[in-house]
C-alpha atoms as a PDB file:
ATOM      1  CA  MET A   1      -8.023  20.272  -0.746  1.00  0.00           C
ATOM      2  CA  THR A   2      -7.072  18.919   2.687  1.00  0.00           C
ATOM      3  CA  PHE A   3      -8.643  15.896   4.310  1.00  0.00           C
ATOM      4  CA  SER A   4      -8.857  15.183   8.029  1.00  0.00           C
ATOM      5  CA  PHE A   5      -9.207  11.438   7.735  1.00  0.00           C
ATOM      6  CA  LYS A   6      -6.440   9.336   9.231  1.00  0.00           C
ATOM      7  CA  THR A   7      -4.446   6.608   7.635  1.00  0.00           C
ATOM      8  CA  ILE A   8      -5.416   3.955  10.155  1.00  0.00           C
ATOM      9  CA  LEU A   9      -6.636   1.280   7.819  1.00  0.00           C
ATOM     10  CA  ARG A  10      -3.874  -1.215   7.912  1.00  0.00           C
ATOM     11  CA  TYR A  11      -3.271  -4.320   9.963  1.00  0.00           C
ATOM     12  CA  LYS A  12      -0.094  -4.577  12.039  1.00  0.00           C
ATOM     13  CA  HIS A  13       1.689  -7.635  13.310  1.00  0.00           C
ATOM     14  CA  SER A  14       4.935  -8.954  14.762  1.00  0.00           C
ATOM     15  CA  LEU A  15       4.880 -12.560  13.622  1.00  0.00           C
ATOM     16  CA  PHE A  16       6.698 -13.857  10.549  1.00  0.00           C
ATOM     17  CA  PHE A  17       4.869 -15.614   7.718  1.00  0.00           C
ATOM     18  CA  ALA A  18       5.289 -19.365   7.595  1.00  0.00           C
ATOM     19  CA  LEU A  19       7.435 -20.164   4.571  1.00  0.00           C
ATOM     20  CA  THR A  20       5.551 -21.800   1.791  1.00  0.00           C
ATOM     21  CA  ALA A  21       6.438 -23.117  -1.598  1.00  0.00           C
ATOM     22  CA  ALA A  22       2.928 -24.017  -2.668  1.00  0.00           C
ATOM     23  CA  VAL A  23       1.575 -21.301  -4.908  1.00  0.00           C
ATOM     24  CA  VAL A  24      -1.787 -21.684  -6.619  1.00  0.00           C
ATOM     25  CA  ALA A  25      -2.612 -19.512  -9.630  1.00  0.00           C
ATOM     26  CA  CYS A  26      -5.839 -17.817  -8.626  1.00  0.00           C
ATOM     27  CA  ALA A  27      -7.834 -14.662  -9.305  1.00  0.00           C
ATOM     28  CA  GLY A  28     -10.876 -12.885  -7.840  1.00  0.00           C
ATOM     29  CA  SER A  29     -14.090 -13.418  -9.781  1.00  0.00           C
ATOM     30  CA  GLY A  30     -16.919 -10.961 -10.244  1.00  0.00           C
ATOM     31  CA  GLY A  31     -18.239  -9.788  -6.897  1.00  0.00           C
ATOM     32  CA  SER A  32     -17.221 -12.984  -5.148  1.00  0.00           C
ATOM     33  CA  ALA A  33     -15.890 -13.153  -1.594  1.00  0.00           C
ATOM     34  CA  SER A  34     -14.068 -15.968   0.128  1.00  0.00           C
ATOM     35  CA  SER A  35     -11.322 -16.802   2.599  1.00  0.00           C
ATOM     36  CA  ASN A  36      -9.302 -18.217  -0.274  1.00  0.00           C
ATOM     37  CA  PRO A  37      -9.371 -16.337  -3.598  1.00  0.00           C
ATOM     38  CA  PRO A  38     -11.237 -18.127  -6.409  1.00  0.00           C
ATOM     39  CA  VAL A  39      -9.407 -19.967  -9.127  1.00  0.00           C
ATOM     40  CA  GLY A  40      -9.365 -19.503 -12.862  1.00  0.00           C
ATOM     41  CA  ALA A  41      -9.336 -15.809 -13.738  1.00  0.00           C
ATOM     42  CA  THR A  42      -6.481 -14.138 -15.585  1.00  0.00           C
ATOM     43  CA  ALA A  43      -4.446 -11.457 -13.825  1.00  0.00           C
ATOM     44  CA  ALA A  44      -4.555  -7.983 -15.333  1.00  0.00           C
ATOM     45  CA  PRO A  45      -1.506  -6.916 -17.329  1.00  0.00           C
ATOM     46  CA  VAL A  46       1.408  -4.990 -15.935  1.00  0.00           C
ATOM     47  CA  SER A  47       3.744  -2.728 -17.854  1.00  0.00           C
ATOM     48  CA  THR A  48       7.144  -1.106 -17.629  1.00  0.00           C
ATOM     49  CA  ALA A  49       7.402   2.543 -18.590  1.00  0.00           C
ATOM     50  CA  PRO A  50      10.149   2.942 -21.189  1.00  0.00           C
ATOM     51  CA  THR A  51      11.570   6.012 -19.414  1.00  0.00           C
ATOM     52  CA  SER A  52      11.980   4.348 -15.995  1.00  0.00           C
ATOM     53  CA  ASP A  53      14.484   1.904 -14.569  1.00  0.00           C
ATOM     54  CA  TRP A  54      11.864   0.102 -12.502  1.00  0.00           C
ATOM     55  CA  TRP A  55       8.659  -1.815 -13.094  1.00  0.00           C
ATOM     56  CA  ILE A  56       5.493   0.298 -13.127  1.00  0.00           C
ATOM     57  CA  PRO A  57       1.985  -1.211 -12.854  1.00  0.00           C
ATOM     58  CA  ALA A  58      -0.469  -0.508 -15.657  1.00  0.00           C
ATOM     59  CA  PRO A  59      -3.892   1.028 -14.977  1.00  0.00           C
ATOM     60  CA  GLY A  60      -6.379  -1.767 -14.394  1.00  0.00           C
ATOM     61  CA  SER A  61      -3.831  -4.146 -12.841  1.00  0.00           C
ATOM     62  CA  SER A  62      -5.431  -6.506 -10.322  1.00  0.00           C
ATOM     63  CA  PHE A  63      -4.413  -6.100  -6.683  1.00  0.00           C
ATOM     64  CA  GLN A  64      -4.390  -8.149  -3.473  1.00  0.00           C
ATOM     65  CA  TYR A  65      -3.685  -6.610  -0.062  1.00  0.00           C
ATOM     66  CA  ASP A  66      -2.671  -9.143   2.608  1.00  0.00           C
ATOM     67  CA  LEU A  67      -0.824  -8.091   5.766  1.00  0.00           C
ATOM     68  CA  SER A  68      -2.001 -11.075   7.820  1.00  0.00           C
ATOM     69  CA  ASP A  69       0.068 -13.744   9.554  1.00  0.00           C
ATOM     70  CA  ALA A  70      -1.564 -16.589   7.670  1.00  0.00           C
ATOM     71  CA  GLY A  71       1.302 -17.160   5.276  1.00  0.00           C
ATOM     72  CA  LEU A  72       1.946 -16.321   1.656  1.00  0.00           C
ATOM     73  CA  PRO A  73      -1.354 -15.580  -0.068  1.00  0.00           C
ATOM     74  CA  THR A  74      -2.141 -17.278  -3.315  1.00  0.00           C
ATOM     75  CA  PRO A  75      -1.337 -15.011  -6.258  1.00  0.00           C
ATOM     76  CA  SER A  76      -4.894 -13.934  -6.890  1.00  0.00           C
ATOM     77  CA  ALA A  77      -3.767 -10.755  -8.609  1.00  0.00           C
ATOM     78  CA  SER A  78      -0.972  -9.371 -10.732  1.00  0.00           C
ATOM     79  CA  MET A  79       0.170  -7.378  -7.660  1.00  0.00           C
ATOM     80  CA  VAL A  80       0.254  -8.530  -4.023  1.00  0.00           C
ATOM     81  CA  ASP A  81       0.960  -6.086  -1.169  1.00  0.00           C
ATOM     82  CA  LEU A  82       2.885  -7.726   1.728  1.00  0.00           C
ATOM     83  CA  ASP A  83       4.760  -6.681   4.889  1.00  0.00           C
ATOM     84  CA  TRP A  84       8.446  -5.765   4.522  1.00  0.00           C
ATOM     85  CA  GLU A  85       9.527  -7.615   7.659  1.00  0.00           C
ATOM     86  CA  ALA A  86       7.299 -10.671   7.766  1.00  0.00           C
ATOM     87  CA  THR A  87       7.636 -11.640   4.112  1.00  0.00           C
ATOM     88  CA  SER A  88      10.631 -13.753   3.125  1.00  0.00           C
ATOM     89  CA  ALA A  89      12.618 -13.738  -0.080  1.00  0.00           C
ATOM     90  CA  SER A  90      11.203 -17.220  -0.734  1.00  0.00           C
ATOM     91  CA  ASN A  91       7.677 -15.825  -0.481  1.00  0.00           C
ATOM     92  CA  VAL A  92       8.454 -13.123  -3.030  1.00  0.00           C
ATOM     93  CA  ALA A  93      10.191 -15.590  -5.330  1.00  0.00           C
ATOM     94  CA  ALA A  94       7.146 -17.855  -5.230  1.00  0.00           C
ATOM     95  CA  LEU A  95       4.913 -14.969  -6.265  1.00  0.00           C
ATOM     96  CA  HIS A  96       7.233 -14.174  -9.148  1.00  0.00           C
ATOM     97  CA  VAL A  97       7.133 -17.786 -10.319  1.00  0.00           C
ATOM     98  CA  ALA A  98       3.335 -17.507 -10.357  1.00  0.00           C
ATOM     99  CA  GLY A  99       3.507 -14.328 -12.437  1.00  0.00           C
ATOM    100  CA  SER A 100       2.691 -11.789  -9.703  1.00  0.00           C
ATOM    101  CA  LYS A 101       4.558  -8.676  -8.602  1.00  0.00           C
ATOM    102  CA  ALA A 102       5.209  -7.952  -4.904  1.00  0.00           C
ATOM    103  CA  VAL A 103       4.612  -4.591  -3.177  1.00  0.00           C
ATOM    104  CA  CYS A 104       6.549  -3.990   0.057  1.00  0.00           C
ATOM    105  CA  TYR A 105       4.529  -2.447   2.916  1.00  0.00           C
ATOM    106  CA  VAL A 106       6.657  -0.030   4.993  1.00  0.00           C
ATOM    107  CA  ASP A 107       5.241   2.203   7.747  1.00  0.00           C
ATOM    108  CA  ALA A 108       7.284   5.355   7.235  1.00  0.00           C
ATOM    109  CA  GLY A 109       5.260   7.785   9.367  1.00  0.00           C
ATOM    110  CA  THR A 110       4.893   6.047  12.724  1.00  0.00           C
ATOM    111  CA  GLU A 111       7.195   4.104  15.005  1.00  0.00           C
ATOM    112  CA  GLU A 112       5.931   0.572  15.628  1.00  0.00           C
ATOM    113  CA  THR A 113       7.386  -0.566  18.929  1.00  0.00           C
ATOM    114  CA  TRP A 114       7.438  -4.263  18.001  1.00  0.00           C
ATOM    115  CA  ARG A 115       9.645  -3.872  14.929  1.00  0.00           C
ATOM    116  CA  PRO A 116      13.237  -5.162  15.127  1.00  0.00           C
ATOM    117  CA  ASP A 117      14.599  -1.667  14.418  1.00  0.00           C
ATOM    118  CA  ALA A 118      12.346   0.127  16.942  1.00  0.00           C
ATOM    119  CA  SER A 119      15.311   1.029  19.165  1.00  0.00           C
ATOM    120  CA  SER A 120      16.774   3.023  16.270  1.00  0.00           C
ATOM    121  CA  PHE A 121      14.179   5.788  16.750  1.00  0.00           C
ATOM    122  CA  PRO A 122      15.415   8.365  19.312  1.00  0.00           C
ATOM    123  CA  ALA A 123      12.913  10.070  21.576  1.00  0.00           C
ATOM    124  CA  VAL A 124      13.353  13.388  19.759  1.00  0.00           C
ATOM    125  CA  VAL A 125      11.481  12.088  16.670  1.00  0.00           C
ATOM    126  CA  ILE A 126       8.725  10.207  18.533  1.00  0.00           C
ATOM    127  CA  GLY A 127       5.465  12.093  19.009  1.00  0.00           C
ATOM    128  CA  ASN A 128       1.925  11.331  20.076  1.00  0.00           C
ATOM    129  CA  ALA A 129       0.364   7.896  20.019  1.00  0.00           C
ATOM    130  CA  ASP A 130      -1.461   6.973  16.827  1.00  0.00           C
ATOM    131  CA  ALA A 131      -4.938   6.681  18.318  1.00  0.00           C
ATOM    132  CA  GLY A 132      -6.479   3.259  17.893  1.00  0.00           C
ATOM    133  CA  TRP A 133      -3.182   1.498  17.195  1.00  0.00           C
ATOM    134  CA  PRO A 134      -1.420   0.441  20.403  1.00  0.00           C
ATOM    135  CA  GLY A 135       2.346   0.573  20.215  1.00  0.00           C
ATOM    136  CA  GLU A 136       2.429   3.120  17.382  1.00  0.00           C
ATOM    137  CA  PHE A 137       3.663   6.696  17.675  1.00  0.00           C
ATOM    138  CA  TRP A 138       3.827   9.454  15.086  1.00  0.00           C
ATOM    139  CA  LEU A 139       7.248  10.469  13.775  1.00  0.00           C
ATOM    140  CA  ASP A 140       8.695  13.904  13.096  1.00  0.00           C
ATOM    141  CA  VAL A 141       9.187  13.495   9.353  1.00  0.00           C
ATOM    142  CA  ARG A 142      11.079  16.789   9.195  1.00  0.00           C
ATOM    143  CA  ARG A 143      14.046  14.958  10.728  1.00  0.00           C
ATOM    144  CA  TYR A 144      15.162  13.063   7.659  1.00  0.00           C
ATOM    145  CA  ASP A 145      18.689  13.166   9.058  1.00  0.00           C
ATOM    146  CA  ILE A 146      17.479  10.640  11.642  1.00  0.00           C
ATOM    147  CA  LEU A 147      14.666   8.835   9.830  1.00  0.00           C
ATOM    148  CA  GLY A 148      16.386   8.613   6.447  1.00  0.00           C
ATOM    149  CA  PRO A 149      18.950   5.958   7.434  1.00  0.00           C
ATOM    150  CA  ILE A 150      16.293   3.853   9.182  1.00  0.00           C
ATOM    151  CA  MET A 151      13.938   3.914   6.202  1.00  0.00           C
ATOM    152  CA  THR A 152      16.794   3.426   3.747  1.00  0.00           C
ATOM    153  CA  ALA A 153      17.657   0.201   5.576  1.00  0.00           C
ATOM    154  CA  ARG A 154      14.029  -0.952   5.320  1.00  0.00           C
ATOM    155  CA  ILE A 155      13.922  -0.134   1.611  1.00  0.00           C
ATOM    156  CA  ALA A 156      17.159  -2.090   1.170  1.00  0.00           C
ATOM    157  CA  THR A 157      15.458  -5.058   2.845  1.00  0.00           C
ATOM    158  CA  CYS A 158      12.607  -4.798   0.329  1.00  0.00           C
ATOM    159  CA  LYS A 159      15.131  -4.816  -2.499  1.00  0.00           C
ATOM    160  CA  GLN A 160      17.119  -7.738  -1.036  1.00  0.00           C
ATOM    161  CA  LYS A 161      13.956  -9.817  -0.734  1.00  0.00           C
ATOM    162  CA  GLY A 162      13.090  -9.180  -4.371  1.00  0.00           C
ATOM    163  CA  PHE A 163      10.107  -6.840  -4.025  1.00  0.00           C
ATOM    164  CA  ASP A 164       9.058  -4.824  -7.069  1.00  0.00           C
ATOM    165  CA  ALA A 165       7.500  -1.781  -5.373  1.00  0.00           C
ATOM    166  CA  VAL A 166       7.103  -0.135  -1.997  1.00  0.00           C
ATOM    167  CA  GLU A 167       4.114   1.361  -0.175  1.00  0.00           C
ATOM    168  CA  PHE A 168       5.012   4.037   2.393  1.00  0.00           C
ATOM    169  CA  ASP A 169       2.216   4.226   4.974  1.00  0.00           C
ATOM    170  CA  ASN A 170       1.299   7.069   7.336  1.00  0.00           C
ATOM    171  CA  ILE A 171       2.964   9.789   5.302  1.00  0.00           C
ATOM    172  CA  ASP A 172       0.040  12.141   6.071  1.00  0.00           C
ATOM    173  CA  GLY A 173       1.046  13.102   9.608  1.00  0.00           C
ATOM    174  CA  TYR A 174       0.388  16.751   8.739  1.00  0.00           C
ATOM    175  CA  GLY A 175      -3.340  15.984   8.958  1.00  0.00           C
ATOM    176  CA  ASN A 176      -3.126  14.244  12.336  1.00  0.00           C
ATOM    177  CA  ASN A 177      -2.396  15.037  15.981  1.00  0.00           C
ATOM    178  CA  THR A 178       1.249  14.045  15.838  1.00  0.00           C
ATOM    179  CA  GLY A 179       2.681  16.356  18.494  1.00  0.00           C
ATOM    180  CA  PHE A 180       4.749  18.102  15.806  1.00  0.00           C
ATOM    181  CA  PRO A 181       3.841  21.174  13.684  1.00  0.00           C
ATOM    182  CA  LEU A 182       3.984  19.202  10.451  1.00  0.00           C
ATOM    183  CA  THR A 183       2.864  20.771   7.186  1.00  0.00           C
ATOM    184  CA  LEU A 184       1.763  19.375   3.858  1.00  0.00           C
ATOM    185  CA  GLU A 185       5.115  20.459   2.435  1.00  0.00           C
ATOM    186  CA  ASP A 186       6.883  18.440   5.138  1.00  0.00           C
ATOM    187  CA  GLY A 187       4.997  15.348   4.011  1.00  0.00           C
ATOM    188  CA  GLU A 188       5.754  15.993   0.350  1.00  0.00           C
ATOM    189  CA  ASN A 189       9.453  16.510   1.052  1.00  0.00           C
ATOM    190  CA  TYR A 190       9.633  13.333   3.118  1.00  0.00           C
ATOM    191  CA  LEU A 191       7.909  11.175   0.520  1.00  0.00           C
ATOM    192  CA  THR A 192      10.061  12.658  -2.248  1.00  0.00           C
ATOM    193  CA  LYS A 193      13.251  11.695  -0.415  1.00  0.00           C
ATOM    194  CA  LEU A 194      11.970   8.190   0.319  1.00  0.00           C
ATOM    195  CA  ALA A 195      10.940   7.757  -3.313  1.00  0.00           C
ATOM    196  CA  GLN A 196      14.390   8.779  -4.506  1.00  0.00           C
ATOM    197  CA  VAL A 197      15.910   5.990  -2.422  1.00  0.00           C
ATOM    198  CA  ALA A 198      13.313   3.450  -3.559  1.00  0.00           C
ATOM    199  CA  HIS A 199      13.693   4.344  -7.213  1.00  0.00           C
ATOM    200  CA  GLY A 200      17.449   4.123  -6.820  1.00  0.00           C
ATOM    201  CA  ASP A 201      16.915   0.548  -5.654  1.00  0.00           C
ATOM    202  CA  GLY A 202      14.698  -0.176  -8.667  1.00  0.00           C
ATOM    203  CA  LEU A 203      11.389  -0.112  -6.772  1.00  0.00           C
ATOM    204  CA  ALA A 204       8.159   1.572  -7.866  1.00  0.00           C
ATOM    205  CA  VAL A 205       6.535   3.880  -5.292  1.00  0.00           C
ATOM    206  CA  ALA A 206       2.881   4.137  -4.241  1.00  0.00           C
ATOM    207  CA  LEU A 207       1.081   7.223  -2.960  1.00  0.00           C
ATOM    208  CA  LYS A 208      -0.947   6.124   0.082  1.00  0.00           C
ATOM    209  CA  ASN A 209      -4.072   7.999   1.213  1.00  0.00           C
ATOM    210  CA  ALA A 210      -2.677  11.492   0.619  1.00  0.00           C
ATOM    211  CA  PRO A 211      -4.455  12.972  -2.426  1.00  0.00           C
ATOM    212  CA  GLU A 212      -3.823  16.484  -1.141  1.00  0.00           C
ATOM    213  CA  MET A 213      -0.176  15.987  -2.169  1.00  0.00           C
ATOM    214  CA  LEU A 214      -1.269  16.051  -5.800  1.00  0.00           C
ATOM    215  CA  PRO A 215      -0.326  17.426  -8.233  1.00  0.00           C
ATOM    216  CA  ALA A 216       2.997  18.362  -6.569  1.00  0.00           C
ATOM    217  CA  ILE A 217       3.990  14.745  -5.941  1.00  0.00           C
ATOM    218  CA  LEU A 218       2.705  13.414  -9.286  1.00  0.00           C
ATOM    219  CA  PRO A 219       6.129  13.017 -10.956  1.00  0.00           C
ATOM    220  CA  THR A 220       7.442  11.216  -7.856  1.00  0.00           C
ATOM    221  CA  VAL A 221       4.917   8.386  -7.464  1.00  0.00           C
ATOM    222  CA  ASP A 222       4.105   5.515  -9.827  1.00  0.00           C
ATOM    223  CA  PHE A 223       0.653   4.446  -8.575  1.00  0.00           C
ATOM    224  CA  ALA A 224      -1.755   5.048  -5.688  1.00  0.00           C
ATOM    225  CA  ILE A 225      -3.523   3.033  -2.998  1.00  0.00           C
ATOM    226  CA  ASP A 226      -6.673   4.705  -1.660  1.00  0.00           C
ATOM    227  CA  GLU A 227      -8.554   3.296   1.333  1.00  0.00           C
ATOM    228  CA  ASP A 228     -12.290   3.953   1.815  1.00  0.00           C
ATOM    229  CA  CYS A 229     -12.242   6.725  -0.785  1.00  0.00           C
ATOM    230  CA  TRP A 230     -15.707   5.803  -2.098  1.00  0.00           C
ATOM    231  CA  GLN A 231     -17.143   5.505   1.407  1.00  0.00           C
ATOM    232  CA  GLN A 232     -15.532   8.829   2.391  1.00  0.00           C
ATOM    233  CA  GLY A 233     -16.211  10.556  -0.932  1.00  0.00           C
ATOM    234  CA  TRP A 234     -12.743  11.617  -2.099  1.00  0.00           C
ATOM    235  CA  CYS A 235     -11.868   9.238  -4.953  1.00  0.00           C
ATOM    236  CA  SER A 236     -12.074  12.025  -7.516  1.00  0.00           C
ATOM    237  CA  SER A 237      -9.147  13.768  -5.820  1.00  0.00           C
ATOM    238  CA  ASP A 238      -6.730  11.425  -7.633  1.00  0.00           C
ATOM    239  CA  ALA A 239      -7.674  12.825 -11.039  1.00  0.00           C
ATOM    240  CA  ALA A 240      -4.092  13.898 -11.795  1.00  0.00           C
ATOM    241  CA  LEU A 241      -2.884  10.296 -11.462  1.00  0.00           C
ATOM    242  CA  ARG A 242      -5.531   9.038 -13.859  1.00  0.00           C
ATOM    243  CA  THR A 243      -4.731  11.734 -16.392  1.00  0.00           C
ATOM    244  CA  ALA A 244      -1.100  10.615 -16.178  1.00  0.00           C
ATOM    245  CA  LYS A 245      -2.224   7.013 -16.876  1.00  0.00           C
ATOM    246  CA  LYS A 246      -1.092   5.772 -13.458  1.00  0.00           C
ATOM    247  CA  LEU A 247      -2.783   2.914 -11.600  1.00  0.00           C
ATOM    248  CA  VAL A 248      -5.218   3.844  -8.823  1.00  0.00           C
ATOM    249  CA  VAL A 249      -6.365   1.080  -6.462  1.00  0.00           C
ATOM    250  CA  ASP A 250      -9.527   1.730  -4.425  1.00  0.00           C
ATOM    251  CA  VAL A 251      -9.635  -0.447  -1.283  1.00  0.00           C
ATOM    252  CA  GLU A 252     -13.019  -0.490   0.467  1.00  0.00           C
ATOM    253  CA  TYR A 253     -13.773  -2.314   3.732  1.00  0.00           C
ATOM    254  CA  ASP A 254     -16.704  -4.551   4.549  1.00  0.00           C
ATOM    255  CA  ASP A 255     -17.334  -3.107   8.028  1.00  0.00           C
ATOM    256  CA  VAL A 256     -18.755   0.027   6.369  1.00  0.00           C
ATOM    257  CA  THR A 257     -19.467  -1.146   2.814  1.00  0.00           C
ATOM    258  CA  THR A 258     -21.600  -4.208   2.109  1.00  0.00           C
ATOM    259  CA  LEU A 259     -20.844  -6.575  -0.729  1.00  0.00           C
ATOM    260  CA  LEU A 260     -24.052  -5.430  -2.434  1.00  0.00           C
ATOM    261  CA  GLN A 261     -23.019  -1.764  -2.180  1.00  0.00           C
ATOM    262  CA  PHE A 262     -19.562  -2.614  -3.458  1.00  0.00           C
ATOM    263  CA  ASP A 263     -20.900  -4.521  -6.464  1.00  0.00           C
ATOM    264  CA  SER A 264     -23.702  -2.154  -7.401  1.00  0.00           C
ATOM    265  CA  ILE A 265     -22.248   1.273  -6.529  1.00  0.00           C
ATOM    266  CA  ASP A 266     -18.487   1.289  -5.996  1.00  0.00           C
ATOM    267  CA  CYS A 267     -17.522  -1.040  -8.814  1.00  0.00           C
ATOM    268  CA  PRO A 268     -19.356   0.884 -11.572  1.00  0.00           C
ATOM    269  CA  ALA A 269     -17.995   4.165 -10.207  1.00  0.00           C
ATOM    270  CA  ALA A 270     -14.435   2.806 -10.123  1.00  0.00           C
ATOM    271  CA  ALA A 271     -14.787   1.353 -13.616  1.00  0.00           C
ATOM    272  CA  ALA A 272     -15.895   4.732 -14.935  1.00  0.00           C
ATOM    273  CA  LEU A 273     -12.615   6.203 -13.676  1.00  0.00           C
ATOM    274  CA  GLY A 274     -10.488   3.263 -14.797  1.00  0.00           C
ATOM    275  CA  ASP A 275      -9.603   2.309 -11.207  1.00  0.00           C
ATOM    276  CA  THR A 276      -9.034  -1.138  -9.723  1.00  0.00           C
ATOM    277  CA  ALA A 277     -11.435  -1.705  -6.801  1.00  0.00           C
ATOM    278  CA  ILE A 278     -11.405  -4.410  -4.134  1.00  0.00           C
ATOM    279  CA  LEU A 279     -13.354  -5.086  -0.932  1.00  0.00           C
ATOM    280  CA  LYS A 280     -11.411  -6.324   2.117  1.00  0.00           C
ATOM    281  CA  HIS A 281     -11.716  -7.088   5.822  1.00  0.00           C
ATOM    282  CA  ARG A 282     -10.124  -4.372   7.996  1.00  0.00           C
ATOM    283  CA  THR A 283      -7.681  -7.004   9.193  1.00  0.00           C
ATOM    284  CA  LEU A 284      -6.285  -7.257   5.663  1.00  0.00           C
ATOM    285  CA  ASP A 285      -6.208 -11.030   5.603  1.00  0.00           C
ATOM    286  CA  ALA A 286      -6.527 -13.165   2.477  1.00  0.00           C
ATOM    287  CA  TRP A 287     -10.287 -12.554   2.088  1.00  0.00           C
ATOM    288  CA  ILE A 288     -11.107 -10.446  -0.952  1.00  0.00           C
ATOM    289  CA  ALA A 289     -14.034  -9.479  -3.144  1.00  0.00           C
ATOM    290  CA  THR A 290     -13.446  -8.097  -6.619  1.00  0.00           C
ATOM    291  CA  CYS A 291     -15.685  -6.280  -9.049  1.00  0.00           C
ATOM    292  CA  PRO A 292     -17.946  -8.130 -11.495  1.00  0.00           C
ATOM    293  CA  SER A 293     -16.249  -8.497 -14.853  1.00  0.00           C
END
């Protein structure tokens, strides 16, 4: 099954986080929403698969998604997703001290002109603009000979900073107007190669908004991050991941889903599947609402 939706649900930035050593042990409470996550709840467990050489999150693990410039978020979850460039090793170390794992956000499918390595992308791999995101252009993911070294360097940065996992964004160019004749197989091949590098560096790998890659990519990825899947009606497409006992995180956004809808509709539906569900601002700042316990 192929979807036409675009992976445009992430917040981009060029500023670095302010370094912080103050980490408060916090967790989202049932259906609550705030600019600072509430205090007192216990983070969901994480696990390491005995057959892997890297940490793998357990189904039901709590999740925070913060790509803002506000600084290191409080460890409101057992996993916190942060930007590869803007997050420092000190930030990651502080999360680890608080008992949280860190997921490294890497845009692997578009060039972002503000990144420090933007000049590394030759014109031959740069395609159409990613509509709605100024300064971003789709990449020809068939050219791993060019993109591989650039992404390998980014993955190495994630490893050096102490991250535990990596999220590769915009890997679904085959479903967008990229300017290149990309196919689903091109996307699968690209993600497979990136995952091999990440796993070699001891990092878990997330599948991002590309359920049509399943089940082919199932052995390659360790968990999934789905955006607006309840609002768009495709959450069930990740069934293979759930059968394999892999974490699925459903991220809904409050510009299309109200807190009441999230609590009364999305949360029960996610719980029935064993998913972790959160409600966020599109800007992916520290604000979060979690499901009632």
